[in-house]
Amino acid sequence: MYNNNQIQKKSRLKELVTVGAFALCASSSLTFAKVGPDEIAKLGFEGTELTPVGAVRAGNAEGTIPAWKNERLQPPAGFEPGTYHPDPFPDDKVLFKITAQNYKDYADKLSDGQKAMFETYPDWYMNVYETRRTAVYDPYIYEAAINNAGTAEIVLAPDRGQGIVGFKNAYHSWAFPIPKNGNELLINQATRPLNVWVDSMELTLAIASTGKYTVNQLSIQQHYKYSDPEIENFDPETDHLHYYQTLLAPAKVAGQVVLAKDPVSFTKKFRGAWAYSPGQRRVKRAPQIVYDNPLTASDGLATTDQKWGYNGPNDRFNWKSLGKKEMYVPYNAYRLHSADATPENIITNEGRLNQDYARYELHRVWVLEGTLKEGTSHDYAKRVFYLDEDSYFIMISDSFDRRGEIWRYWEDHDVMYYDIGFMAPAAEFQYDMQAGRMLALLYDKENPPDFTGRWEDKYFTPASIRRQGVR
């Protein structure tokens, strides 16, 4: 339900979509860059060729991908807000299983990383279910996207780092619903709508090939202002992601704090990051929390910029769109989101995910390739992202080493939170096929994520860390 202020804001957004687009058409001093009014007219809530986010509304010719409908997923009977979200499709059955023995029959719809998984782990498999296009957001998100199609512009900052790709004149939502190149696809991933307020308890497990692991427990508070309908007239170069992370376990590292404040567009401002060490009782700037430095508690199995598929400044790679294709990707991961999806239940003795908890579906995805720029450095020489056409979330990522060989395979298992209308990961996994190990990012099943928390901006400051520091 929306209050009067939100309704008024949605109304103003709708007026901007209608009036602003015609004003741009009539102005000789402004250009549409690569998107004209005829293309923008293809975007819409109902009856248009494309959805408001630019996805193909129709299903595929085979009927294995359905048409997108502007209908929010309804909570199952008995759902209580504040608990883990029950599967809205409990009766769905596995349509077929892709295995090491038959994966070549489906090779045109698999990534290089998925093929390598079948070749590396003969017992790995993918259960494929009916495709359900559940990524449906609130009207204000879509109204902003349609408006962005006529106003957003790519901004390049060659004088910053190796050349940052940014944007301007977009808000709340995907900047480029009709992406024309790799840079615009990349910015769509950066501007995808995210949960505005999150208070969560999360687990990071670096898992050995024997199935052994240590549970790292993290308390995380997050405010994502870019998608917040209460915030208007903002500059994407200001701090729009406020992220506060406290390591609670194991005991020997408990009390470590990381604070990060990101703009949405990095063309003028870099990530602000600070770290608190309980042993030193000092808050220090942490410029290392970026790029290919190790992700917190990952034991070197993932880079900082891999969380959520990709995050942070984007200047170390050249980005190229390889178009759109149909792929089998993780989707509607409500079983992994359930309260019984605890580490002891979902991690096998071989140190991998019990694939019976995973759900794969056939979806159209954008393929985005990043190749390492000459003169710069990163652990990966190439990375290929597969972005869901209905959300621009990175569903899977293939990472290659300097020899051009697949090194790591990343999966984002997302759910649509039907009570708040945002998509987010239920779990994330990375397989390091050279080390024979897996990294798992999960929720603590005794503490469901809370979307009701609210914090003032001063909570996300170094001074706040000093006040709350322990040990």
Protein backbone atom coordinates (compact mmCIF):
# COMPACT_ATOMS: atom_id res chain seq x y z
CA MET A 1 0.00 0.00 0.00
CA TYR A 2 1.17 3.53 -0.75
CA ASN A 3 0.68 6.68 1.31
CA ASN A 4 -0.54 9.96 -0.20
CA ASN A 5 2.97 11.33 -0.67
CA GLN A 6 4.01 8.25 -2.63
CA ILE A 7 0.89 8.41 -4.79
CA GLN A 8 1.57 12.06 -5.57
CA LYS A 9 5.16 11.24 -6.47
CA LYS A 10 4.03 8.41 -8.76
CA SER A 11 1.63 10.83 -10.43
CA ARG A 12 4.41 13.34 -11.00
CA LEU A 13 6.60 10.59 -12.48
CA LYS A 14 3.82 9.65 -14.89
CA GLU A 15 3.52 13.27 -15.98
CA LEU A 16 7.27 13.38 -16.59
CA VAL A 17 7.05 10.29 -18.76
CA THR A 18 4.32 11.81 -20.92
CA VAL A 19 5.25 15.50 -20.98
CA GLY A 20 9.02 15.14 -20.71
CA ALA A 21 9.31 12.80 -23.68
CA PHE A 22 7.34 15.14 -25.96
CA ALA A 23 9.39 18.10 -24.77
CA LEU A 24 12.58 16.29 -25.71
CA CYS A 25 11.20 15.49 -29.14
CA ALA A 26 10.42 19.13 -29.77
CA SER A 27 13.76 20.49 -28.58
CA SER A 28 16.47 21.07 -31.16
CA SER A 29 19.15 21.54 -28.49
CA LEU A 30 18.68 18.08 -26.98
CA THR A 31 19.20 14.75 -28.65
CA PHE A 32 18.09 11.24 -27.88
CA ALA A 33 21.61 9.94 -28.38
CA LYS A 34 20.75 6.53 -29.91
CA VAL A 35 17.12 6.13 -28.86
CA GLY A 36 14.41 7.97 -30.77
CA PRO A 37 10.74 8.56 -29.99
CA ASP A 38 9.66 5.65 -32.20
CA GLU A 39 11.75 3.27 -30.12
CA ILE A 40 10.60 4.77 -26.84
CA ALA A 41 7.02 4.21 -28.00
CA LYS A 42 7.75 0.46 -27.96
CA LEU A 43 8.04 0.60 -24.16
CA GLY A 44 4.93 0.30 -22.03
CA PHE A 45 2.97 -1.42 -19.31
CA GLU A 46 0.50 -3.15 -21.60
CA GLY A 47 0.14 -3.89 -25.30
CA THR A 48 3.60 -2.75 -26.45
CA GLU A 49 6.36 -4.75 -28.10
CA LEU A 50 8.66 -4.19 -25.14
CA THR A 51 8.05 -4.07 -21.41
CA PRO A 52 8.97 -0.87 -19.53
CA VAL A 53 12.44 -2.31 -18.88
CA GLY A 54 12.95 -3.10 -22.55
CA ALA A 55 12.45 -6.87 -22.36
CA VAL A 56 10.58 -8.63 -25.14
CA ARG A 57 7.00 -8.87 -23.92
CA ALA A 58 6.12 -11.93 -25.99
CA GLY A 59 7.16 -15.46 -25.21
CA ASN A 60 9.35 -17.47 -27.54
CA ALA A 61 8.17 -19.42 -30.57
CA GLU A 62 8.46 -22.78 -28.80
CA GLY A 63 6.29 -21.65 -25.91
CA THR A 64 9.02 -22.49 -23.39
CA ILE A 65 9.33 -18.83 -22.37
CA PRO A 66 5.97 -17.22 -21.57
CA ALA A 67 4.86 -13.67 -22.27
CA TRP A 68 5.60 -11.09 -19.56
CA LYS A 69 2.56 -9.82 -17.70
CA ASN A 70 2.42 -6.73 -15.55
CA GLU A 71 1.10 -8.69 -12.59
CA ARG A 72 2.90 -8.63 -9.26
CA LEU A 73 3.50 -12.00 -7.65
CA GLN A 74 1.02 -12.52 -4.84
CA PRO A 75 2.12 -13.88 -1.43
CA PRO A 76 1.02 -17.47 -0.76
CA ALA A 77 -1.72 -17.98 1.79
CA GLY A 78 -0.39 -17.84 5.31
CA PHE A 79 2.73 -15.81 4.51
CA GLU A 80 3.77 -13.59 7.40
CA PRO A 81 5.99 -10.56 6.63
CA GLY A 82 9.30 -10.80 8.40
CA THR A 83 9.66 -14.53 7.74
CA TYR A 84 11.34 -16.40 4.93
CA HIS A 85 9.20 -16.35 1.81
CA PRO A 86 7.37 -19.61 1.02
CA ASP A 87 7.66 -20.94 -2.52
CA PRO A 88 4.71 -19.55 -4.53
CA PHE A 89 5.08 -22.51 -6.93
CA PRO A 90 5.21 -25.53 -4.60
CA ASP A 91 3.62 -27.86 -7.13
CA ASP A 92 6.09 -27.20 -9.94
CA LYS A 93 7.91 -30.35 -11.00
CA VAL A 94 11.29 -30.83 -12.65
CA LEU A 95 10.76 -30.81 -16.42
CA PHE A 96 14.11 -32.43 -17.18
CA LYS A 97 17.62 -32.74 -15.79
CA ILE A 98 20.82 -31.63 -17.53
CA THR A 99 23.75 -33.84 -16.59
CA ALA A 100 27.35 -34.51 -17.58
CA GLN A 101 26.02 -37.23 -19.87
CA ASN A 102 23.56 -35.08 -21.87
CA TYR A 103 24.71 -31.46 -21.45
CA LYS A 104 26.00 -31.25 -25.02
CA ASP A 105 22.38 -31.60 -26.18
CA TYR A 106 21.71 -28.25 -24.50
CA ALA A 107 25.08 -26.62 -25.20
CA ASP A 108 23.60 -23.70 -27.16
CA LYS A 109 21.78 -22.59 -23.99
CA LEU A 110 24.66 -23.06 -21.55
CA SER A 111 27.56 -20.78 -20.69
CA ASP A 112 31.21 -21.80 -20.91
CA GLY A 113 31.26 -21.91 -17.12
CA GLN A 114 28.31 -24.29 -16.99
CA LYS A 115 29.89 -26.59 -19.56
CA ALA A 116 33.12 -26.56 -17.55
CA MET A 117 31.16 -27.52 -14.42
CA PHE A 118 29.82 -30.63 -16.16
CA GLU A 119 33.31 -31.51 -17.35
CA THR A 120 34.95 -30.86 -13.98
CA TYR A 121 32.30 -32.43 -11.75
CA PRO A 122 30.64 -35.44 -13.46
CA ASP A 123 27.97 -35.61 -10.73
CA TRP A 124 26.86 -31.97 -11.14
CA TYR A 125 23.41 -31.42 -12.66
CA MET A 126 20.76 -28.77 -13.32
CA ASN A 127 17.07 -29.33 -12.61
CA VAL A 128 15.08 -27.33 -15.16
CA TYR A 129 11.61 -26.06 -14.22
CA GLU A 130 8.81 -24.17 -15.92
CA THR A 131 9.82 -20.61 -16.76
CA ARG A 132 8.06 -17.98 -14.68
CA ARG A 133 8.76 -14.32 -15.38
CA THR A 134 8.21 -13.08 -11.84
CA ALA A 135 10.36 -9.91 -12.06
CA VAL A 136 7.52 -7.37 -11.83
CA TYR A 137 8.14 -4.10 -9.98
CA ASP A 138 6.08 -1.20 -8.65
CA PRO A 139 4.71 1.33 -11.17
CA TYR A 140 7.07 4.13 -10.09
CA ILE A 141 10.05 1.96 -11.08
CA TYR A 142 8.69 1.40 -14.57
CA GLU A 143 7.54 4.99 -15.03
CA ALA A 144 11.06 6.14 -14.22
CA ALA A 145 12.56 3.62 -16.67
CA ILE A 146 10.40 4.86 -19.54
CA ASN A 147 11.37 8.42 -18.73
CA ASN A 148 15.05 7.45 -18.51
CA ALA A 149 14.89 6.04 -22.05
CA GLY A 150 14.52 9.58 -23.37
CA THR A 151 16.87 11.41 -21.01
CA ALA A 152 19.74 9.18 -19.86
CA GLU A 153 23.20 9.66 -21.31
CA ILE A 154 26.46 7.77 -20.97
CA VAL A 155 29.24 9.82 -19.39
CA LEU A 156 32.85 8.75 -19.93
CA ALA A 157 35.61 9.94 -17.61
CA PRO A 158 38.89 9.04 -19.34
CA ASP A 159 40.82 11.08 -16.76
CA ARG A 160 39.69 8.84 -13.87
CA GLY A 161 41.56 5.58 -13.43
CA GLN A 162 41.57 3.71 -16.72
CA GLY A 163 38.39 5.47 -17.85
CA ILE A 164 35.16 5.21 -15.87
CA VAL A 165 31.81 4.60 -17.58
CA GLY A 166 29.01 6.55 -15.90
CA PHE A 167 25.69 8.17 -16.70
CA LYS A 168 23.49 11.17 -16.04
CA ASN A 169 19.83 12.18 -16.32
CA ALA A 170 18.34 8.98 -14.94
CA TYR A 171 16.76 8.13 -11.61
CA HIS A 172 15.20 5.31 -9.55
CA SER A 173 15.49 2.72 -12.29
CA TRP A 174 17.33 1.24 -15.28
CA ALA A 175 18.99 4.06 -17.19
CA PHE A 176 18.84 2.53 -20.67
CA PRO A 177 15.76 0.33 -21.26
CA ILE A 178 16.81 0.02 -24.91
CA PRO A 179 20.57 -0.61 -24.53
CA LYS A 180 22.64 -0.10 -27.65
CA ASN A 181 26.09 -1.19 -26.50
CA GLY A 182 28.09 -2.76 -23.71
CA ASN A 183 28.45 0.45 -21.71
CA GLU A 184 24.68 0.92 -21.57
CA LEU A 185 24.16 -2.72 -20.57
CA LEU A 186 26.73 -2.29 -17.81
CA ILE A 187 24.97 0.81 -16.49
CA ASN A 188 21.63 -1.01 -16.55
CA GLN A 189 23.12 -3.55 -14.16
CA ALA A 190 24.40 -0.72 -11.95
CA THR A 191 21.01 1.05 -11.94
CA ARG A 192 18.78 -1.99 -11.50
CA PRO A 193 16.23 -1.44 -8.70
CA LEU A 194 17.36 -2.83 -5.35
CA ASN A 195 15.80 -3.26 -1.93
CA VAL A 196 15.78 0.23 -0.43
CA TRP A 197 16.21 -0.78 3.23
CA VAL A 198 17.74 -4.07 4.37
CA ASP A 199 18.82 -5.31 7.78
CA SER A 200 20.18 -8.82 7.35
CA MET A 201 22.28 -11.50 8.97
CA GLU A 202 24.37 -13.22 6.33
CA LEU A 203 26.81 -16.11 6.15
CA THR A 204 29.97 -16.49 4.08
CA LEU A 205 31.42 -19.99 3.74
CA ALA A 206 34.70 -20.79 2.01
CA ILE A 207 34.28 -24.51 1.46
CA ALA A 208 36.99 -27.12 0.96
CA SER A 209 36.68 -30.04 -1.46
CA THR A 210 36.09 -32.25 1.59
CA GLY A 211 32.95 -30.29 2.48
CA LYS A 212 34.61 -28.64 5.49
CA TYR A 213 33.96 -24.97 6.15
CA THR A 214 33.98 -22.23 8.78
CA VAL A 215 30.86 -20.10 9.13
CA ASN A 216 31.53 -16.37 8.94
CA GLN A 217 28.50 -14.46 10.22
CA LEU A 218 27.96 -10.87 9.12
CA SER A 219 25.41 -8.31 10.25
CA ILE A 220 24.58 -5.92 7.38
CA GLN A 221 22.56 -2.72 7.21
CA GLN A 222 21.93 -1.15 3.84
CA HIS A 223 20.13 1.88 2.42
CA TYR A 224 19.93 2.10 -1.37
CA LYS A 225 18.79 5.63 -2.07
CA TYR A 226 18.70 5.37 -5.85
CA SER A 227 15.53 3.22 -5.72
CA ASP A 228 13.98 5.08 -2.80
CA PRO A 229 10.69 6.74 -3.89
CA GLU A 230 11.04 9.19 -1.00
CA ILE A 231 14.17 10.75 -2.52
CA GLU A 232 13.88 13.17 -5.43
CA ASN A 233 16.17 15.45 -7.44
CA PHE A 234 19.38 13.64 -6.67
CA ASP A 235 22.75 13.46 -8.38
CA PRO A 236 23.95 9.90 -9.14
CA GLU A 237 27.43 11.05 -8.13
CA THR A 238 26.39 11.43 -4.49
CA ASP A 239 26.48 8.48 -2.08
CA HIS A 240 23.44 6.35 -2.92
CA LEU A 241 24.50 2.99 -1.51
CA HIS A 242 25.14 3.07 2.23
CA TYR A 243 26.52 -0.28 3.43
CA TYR A 244 27.50 -1.16 7.02
CA GLN A 245 28.91 -4.62 7.72
CA THR A 246 29.96 -6.11 11.08
CA LEU A 247 31.69 -9.48 11.32
CA LEU A 248 30.19 -11.41 14.26
CA ALA A 249 31.82 -14.83 13.94
CA PRO A 250 34.13 -16.67 14.20
CA ALA A 251 35.21 -15.26 17.56
CA LYS A 252 38.82 -14.55 16.56
CA VAL A 253 37.72 -11.95 13.99
CA ALA A 254 34.48 -10.76 15.60
CA GLY A 255 34.00 -7.02 15.74
CA GLN A 256 35.58 -6.12 12.41
CA VAL A 257 33.53 -3.46 10.63
CA VAL A 258 33.44 -2.37 6.98
CA LEU A 259 31.61 0.76 5.87
CA ALA A 260 31.16 1.54 2.18
CA LYS A 261 29.43 4.48 0.50
CA ASP A 262 29.05 4.28 -3.26
CA PRO A 263 27.74 6.66 -5.88
CA VAL A 264 25.70 5.05 -8.64
CA SER A 265 27.91 6.72 -11.25
CA PHE A 266 31.64 6.83 -10.48
CA THR A 267 32.68 9.49 -12.99
CA LYS A 268 33.33 12.15 -10.33
CA LYS A 269 33.46 10.29 -7.04
CA PHE A 270 35.11 7.06 -5.95
CA ARG A 271 33.96 4.50 -3.40
CA GLY A 272 34.32 5.71 0.17
CA ALA A 273 35.32 2.79 2.40
CA TRP A 274 36.46 2.49 6.00
CA ALA A 275 37.44 -0.47 8.18
CA TYR A 276 37.52 -0.93 11.95
CA SER A 277 39.86 -3.39 13.63
CA PRO A 278 38.86 -4.29 17.21
CA GLY A 279 42.44 -5.20 18.02
CA GLN A 280 43.71 -1.73 17.10
CA ARG A 281 40.49 0.09 18.03
CA ARG A 282 41.01 2.34 15.05
CA VAL A 283 38.91 3.31 12.04
CA LYS A 284 40.98 3.60 8.89
CA ARG A 285 40.20 4.39 5.29
CA ALA A 286 40.11 1.18 3.29
CA PRO A 287 40.92 1.92 -0.36
CA GLN A 288 41.62 -1.79 -0.84
CA ILE A 289 37.90 -2.71 -0.61
CA VAL A 290 37.41 -2.55 -4.36
CA TYR A 291 38.24 -4.30 -7.65
CA ASP A 292 39.97 -7.70 -7.32
CA ASN A 293 40.92 -7.48 -3.68
CA PRO A 294 39.46 -10.49 -1.82
CA LEU A 295 35.82 -10.39 -0.84
CA THR A 296 35.29 -10.30 2.93
CA ALA A 297 35.74 -13.74 4.53
CA SER A 298 36.04 -15.42 1.12
CA ASP A 299 39.48 -16.97 1.71
CA GLY A 300 40.52 -15.54 -1.65
CA LEU A 301 37.84 -17.42 -3.59
CA ALA A 302 36.12 -14.28 -4.92
CA THR A 303 36.94 -10.67 -5.67
CA THR A 304 35.33 -7.68 -3.97
CA ASP A 305 33.69 -6.59 -7.23
CA GLN A 306 31.85 -9.92 -7.61
CA LYS A 307 29.29 -9.40 -4.85
CA TRP A 308 25.82 -9.20 -6.49
CA GLY A 309 27.47 -10.30 -9.74
CA TYR A 310 29.34 -7.01 -10.11
CA ASN A 311 29.80 -3.83 -8.10
CA GLY A 312 32.00 -0.77 -7.87
CA PRO A 313 34.00 1.21 -10.45
CA ASN A 314 34.13 -0.30 -13.93
CA ASP A 315 37.28 1.14 -15.49
CA ARG A 316 39.51 -1.93 -15.70
CA PHE A 317 37.58 -3.65 -18.48
CA ASN A 318 36.33 -2.85 -21.96
CA TRP A 319 32.65 -3.74 -22.13
CA LYS A 320 31.01 -5.27 -25.20
CA SER A 321 27.43 -6.39 -25.76
CA LEU A 322 27.19 -9.82 -27.38
CA GLY A 323 23.45 -9.50 -27.85
CA LYS A 324 20.65 -11.54 -26.33
CA LYS A 325 20.07 -15.29 -26.20
CA GLU A 326 18.07 -17.96 -24.41
CA MET A 327 19.87 -19.55 -21.45
CA TYR A 328 19.24 -21.91 -18.57
CA VAL A 329 19.86 -19.75 -15.50
CA PRO A 330 19.03 -19.87 -11.76
CA TYR A 331 15.63 -18.27 -11.11
CA ASN A 332 12.86 -18.19 -8.49
CA ALA A 333 15.18 -19.71 -5.88
CA TYR A 334 12.57 -19.97 -3.13
CA ARG A 335 13.79 -23.36 -1.99
CA LEU A 336 17.25 -21.90 -1.31
CA HIS A 337 15.49 -19.03 0.45
CA SER A 338 13.54 -21.34 2.74
CA ALA A 339 14.32 -21.69 6.45
CA ASP A 340 15.59 -25.24 6.02
CA ALA A 341 18.25 -24.26 3.47
CA THR A 342 20.92 -24.23 6.16
CA PRO A 343 24.60 -24.90 5.37
CA GLU A 344 24.46 -28.41 6.80
CA ASN A 345 21.51 -29.21 4.52
CA ILE A 346 22.64 -27.66 1.26
CA ILE A 347 26.42 -28.26 1.26
CA THR A 348 27.46 -31.75 0.17
CA ASN A 349 30.37 -33.81 1.44
CA GLU A 350 32.17 -32.93 -1.80
CA GLY A 351 31.99 -29.21 -0.93
CA ARG A 352 29.36 -28.24 -3.50
CA LEU A 353 25.71 -27.19 -3.47
CA ASN A 354 23.11 -29.92 -3.23
CA GLN A 355 21.58 -29.23 -6.64
CA ASP A 356 18.14 -30.42 -5.52
CA TYR A 357 17.85 -27.01 -3.82
CA ALA A 358 18.55 -25.16 -7.09
CA ARG A 359 15.96 -24.21 -9.69
CA TYR A 360 16.95 -23.39 -13.28
CA GLU A 361 14.66 -21.90 -15.91
CA LEU A 362 14.94 -20.88 -19.55
CA HIS A 363 15.13 -17.09 -19.83
CA ARG A 364 16.31 -14.55 -22.37
CA VAL A 365 19.48 -12.90 -21.17
CA TRP A 366 21.77 -10.15 -22.36
CA VAL A 367 25.39 -11.28 -22.78
CA LEU A 368 27.97 -8.71 -21.61
CA GLU A 369 31.68 -9.35 -22.10
CA GLY A 370 34.40 -7.51 -20.23
CA THR A 371 38.01 -7.81 -21.41
CA LEU A 372 40.89 -6.51 -19.33
CA LYS A 373 42.25 -3.19 -20.56
CA GLU A 374 45.87 -3.00 -21.59
CA GLY A 375 47.98 -1.32 -18.92
CA THR A 376 45.76 -2.26 -16.00
CA SER A 377 45.45 -5.31 -13.76
CA HIS A 378 42.80 -7.65 -12.40
CA ASP A 379 42.64 -11.30 -11.38
CA TYR A 380 40.42 -11.94 -14.41
CA ALA A 381 41.51 -11.41 -18.00
CA LYS A 382 37.92 -11.75 -19.20
CA ARG A 383 34.53 -12.04 -17.58
CA VAL A 384 31.19 -12.74 -19.24
CA PHE A 385 27.94 -11.73 -17.53
CA TYR A 386 24.47 -13.06 -18.36
CA LEU A 387 21.84 -10.46 -17.43
CA ASP A 388 18.17 -11.34 -17.04
CA GLU A 389 16.16 -9.31 -19.58
CA ASP A 390 13.39 -8.60 -17.04
CA SER A 391 15.64 -7.26 -14.25
CA TYR A 392 19.22 -6.83 -15.55
CA PHE A 393 20.43 -8.89 -12.60
CA ILE A 394 23.56 -10.89 -13.39
CA MET A 395 22.31 -14.47 -13.12
CA ILE A 396 25.58 -16.19 -13.97
CA SER A 397 29.14 -15.03 -14.56
CA ASP A 398 32.07 -16.79 -16.22
CA SER A 399 35.55 -15.61 -15.22
CA PHE A 400 38.66 -16.44 -17.27
CA ASP A 401 42.35 -16.45 -16.39
CA ARG A 402 45.24 -14.98 -18.40
CA ARG A 403 45.51 -18.17 -20.45
CA GLY A 404 41.94 -17.71 -21.64
CA GLU A 405 40.73 -20.71 -19.65
CA ILE A 406 37.60 -20.74 -17.50
CA TRP A 407 38.61 -20.26 -13.88
CA ARG A 408 35.51 -19.47 -11.83
CA TYR A 409 31.78 -19.84 -12.32
CA TRP A 410 29.38 -17.61 -10.34
CA GLU A 411 25.63 -18.15 -9.82
CA ASP A 412 23.12 -15.68 -8.43
CA HIS A 413 20.03 -17.49 -7.11
CA ASP A 414 17.42 -14.75 -6.85
CA VAL A 415 13.89 -14.43 -5.57
CA MET A 416 11.26 -11.76 -6.05
CA TYR A 417 10.27 -10.53 -2.60
CA TYR A 418 6.54 -10.40 -3.19
CA ASP A 419 5.85 -8.30 -0.09
CA ILE A 420 8.14 -5.39 -1.04
CA GLY A 421 8.36 -5.75 -4.83
CA PHE A 422 12.14 -6.08 -5.26
CA MET A 423 14.38 -8.86 -6.51
CA ALA A 424 17.42 -9.93 -4.48
CA PRO A 425 19.71 -12.95 -4.12
CA ALA A 426 18.58 -15.80 -1.90
CA ALA A 427 22.10 -17.20 -2.22
CA GLU A 428 25.24 -16.71 -4.30
CA PHE A 429 27.81 -19.38 -5.16
CA GLN A 430 31.18 -19.31 -6.83
CA TYR A 431 32.99 -22.43 -8.00
CA ASP A 432 36.76 -22.19 -8.36
CA MET A 433 37.42 -25.06 -10.72
CA GLN A 434 41.20 -24.75 -10.49
CA ALA A 435 41.20 -24.91 -6.69
CA GLY A 436 38.34 -27.42 -6.51
CA ARG A 437 36.54 -25.23 -3.95
CA MET A 438 33.27 -23.33 -3.58
CA LEU A 439 32.30 -20.06 -1.94
CA ALA A 440 28.74 -19.72 -0.62
CA LEU A 441 26.98 -16.50 0.37
CA LEU A 442 23.79 -17.27 2.29
CA TYR A 443 21.31 -15.83 4.77
CA ASP A 444 21.38 -16.89 8.41
CA LYS A 445 18.20 -18.95 8.52
CA GLU A 446 17.49 -18.05 12.14
CA ASN A 447 17.34 -14.35 11.23
CA PRO A 448 15.24 -13.53 8.13
CA PRO A 449 16.09 -10.25 6.38
CA ASP A 450 14.19 -7.27 7.75
CA PHE A 451 12.98 -4.54 5.40
CA THR A 452 11.44 -2.31 8.07
CA GLY A 453 14.65 -0.93 9.57
CA ARG A 454 15.47 2.74 9.08
CA TRP A 455 18.70 4.56 9.84
CA GLU A 456 19.75 8.18 9.60
CA ASP A 457 22.66 9.00 7.29
CA LYS A 458 24.89 9.57 10.31
CA TYR A 459 24.72 5.84 11.05
CA PHE A 460 26.75 5.23 7.88
CA THR A 461 29.77 7.30 8.93
CA PRO A 462 33.23 6.60 10.40
CA ALA A 463 32.13 8.41 13.56
CA SER A 464 29.34 5.87 13.96
CA ILE A 465 31.87 3.04 13.74
CA ARG A 466 33.94 4.63 16.50
CA ARG A 467 30.91 4.95 18.73
CA GLN A 468 29.83 1.35 18.19
CA GLY A 469 33.25 -0.30 18.09
CA VAL A 470 33.70 -3.30 20.34
CA ARG A 471 36.66 -5.15 21.91
